């Protein structure tokens, strides 16, 4: 089997893994102050720099 044929077979075998990625990413973490203490009840907004639109779960 040629090198290019092995590459094509490997690409075809791995293609479903690329399609299995979720369409909506998830961001998790903790909100803390400058001393590391947790901030309870904090609301976080995410904005894209390209379109400057905010997305908030609240």
C-alpha atoms as a PDB file:
ATOM      1  CA  UNK A   1       0.000   0.000   0.000  1.00  0.00           C
ATOM      2  CA  UNK A   2       1.394   3.383  -0.950  1.00  0.00           C
ATOM      3  CA  UNK A   3       2.027   6.171   1.452  1.00  0.00           C
ATOM      4  CA  UNK A   4      -0.718   8.363  -0.034  1.00  0.00           C
ATOM      5  CA  UNK A   5      -3.236   5.517   0.165  1.00  0.00           C
ATOM      6  CA  UNK A   6      -2.443   5.034   3.869  1.00  0.00           C
ATOM      7  CA  UNK A   7      -2.900   8.766   4.423  1.00  0.00           C
ATOM      8  CA  UNK A   8      -6.296   8.743   2.700  1.00  0.00           C
ATOM      9  CA  UNK A   9      -7.435   5.725   4.710  1.00  0.00           C
ATOM     10  CA  UNK A  10      -6.292   7.338   7.961  1.00  0.00           C
ATOM     11  CA  UNK A  11      -8.072  10.590   7.067  1.00  0.00           C
ATOM     12  CA  UNK A  12     -11.282   8.726   6.300  1.00  0.00           C
ATOM     13  CA  UNK A  13     -11.032   6.748   9.526  1.00  0.00           C
ATOM     14  CA  UNK A  14     -10.549   9.902  11.619  1.00  0.00           C
ATOM     15  CA  UNK A  15     -13.163  12.068   9.842  1.00  0.00           C
ATOM     16  CA  UNK A  16     -16.074  11.009  12.108  1.00  0.00           C
ATOM     17  CA  UNK A  17     -14.101  12.178  15.145  1.00  0.00           C
ATOM     18  CA  UNK A  18     -13.880  15.685  13.713  1.00  0.00           C
ATOM     19  CA  UNK A  19     -17.631  15.734  13.118  1.00  0.00           C
ATOM     20  CA  UNK A  20     -18.312  14.627  16.688  1.00  0.00           C
ATOM     21  CA  UNK A  21     -17.273  17.991  18.118  1.00  0.00           C
ATOM     22  CA  UNK A  22     -20.101  19.828  19.902  1.00  0.00           C
ATOM     23  CA  UNK A  23     -21.604  22.786  18.084  1.00  0.00           C
ATOM     24  CA  UNK A  24     -21.765  24.856  21.290  1.00  0.00           C
ATOM     25  CA  UNK A  25     -18.639  25.090  23.404  1.00  0.00           C
ATOM     26  CA  UNK A  26     -18.803  25.069  27.189  1.00  0.00           C
ATOM     27  CA  UNK A  27     -16.860  27.360  29.472  1.00  0.00           C
ATOM     28  CA  UNK A  28     -16.460  26.395  33.121  1.00  0.00           C
ATOM     29  CA  UNK A  29     -14.541  27.915  35.975  1.00  0.00           C
ATOM     30  CA  UNK A  30     -14.656  29.907  39.179  1.00  0.00           C
ATOM     31  CA  UNK A  31     -14.876  33.646  39.745  1.00  0.00           C
ATOM     32  CA  UNK A  32     -12.471  34.880  42.422  1.00  0.00           C
ATOM     33  CA  UNK A  33     -11.309  38.261  43.668  1.00  0.00           C
ATOM     34  CA  UNK A  34      -7.711  39.494  43.577  1.00  0.00           C
ATOM     35  CA  UNK A  35      -6.900  37.573  46.773  1.00  0.00           C
ATOM     36  CA  UNK A  36      -8.384  34.298  45.515  1.00  0.00           C
ATOM     37  CA  UNK A  37     -11.603  34.377  47.547  1.00  0.00           C
ATOM     38  CA  UNK A  38     -14.640  33.042  45.656  1.00  0.00           C
ATOM     39  CA  UNK A  39     -17.284  35.510  44.519  1.00  0.00           C
ATOM     40  CA  UNK A  40     -20.684  33.885  44.941  1.00  0.00           C
ATOM     41  CA  UNK A  41     -23.537  34.817  42.644  1.00  0.00           C
ATOM     42  CA  UNK A  42     -21.268  36.348  40.009  1.00  0.00           C
ATOM     43  CA  UNK A  43     -22.710  36.706  36.516  1.00  0.00           C
ATOM     44  CA  UNK A  44     -20.334  36.307  33.584  1.00  0.00           C
ATOM     45  CA  UNK A  45     -20.846  37.511  30.022  1.00  0.00           C
ATOM     46  CA  UNK A  46     -18.837  36.346  27.032  1.00  0.00           C
ATOM     47  CA  UNK A  47     -18.291  38.659  24.059  1.00  0.00           C
ATOM     48  CA  UNK A  48     -16.689  37.992  20.715  1.00  0.00           C
ATOM     49  CA  UNK A  49     -14.148  40.566  19.639  1.00  0.00           C
ATOM     50  CA  UNK A  50     -15.029  40.181  15.955  1.00  0.00           C
ATOM     51  CA  UNK A  51     -18.687  41.224  16.198  1.00  0.00           C
ATOM     52  CA  UNK A  52     -18.728  42.787  19.676  1.00  0.00           C
ATOM     53  CA  UNK A  53     -21.915  40.976  20.664  1.00  0.00           C
ATOM     54  CA  UNK A  54     -22.315  39.683  24.176  1.00  0.00           C
ATOM     55  CA  UNK A  55     -23.751  36.316  25.103  1.00  0.00           C
ATOM     56  CA  UNK A  56     -25.088  35.845  28.603  1.00  0.00           C
ATOM     57  CA  UNK A  57     -26.892  32.855  30.066  1.00  0.00           C
ATOM     58  CA  UNK A  58     -29.064  35.154  32.233  1.00  0.00           C
END
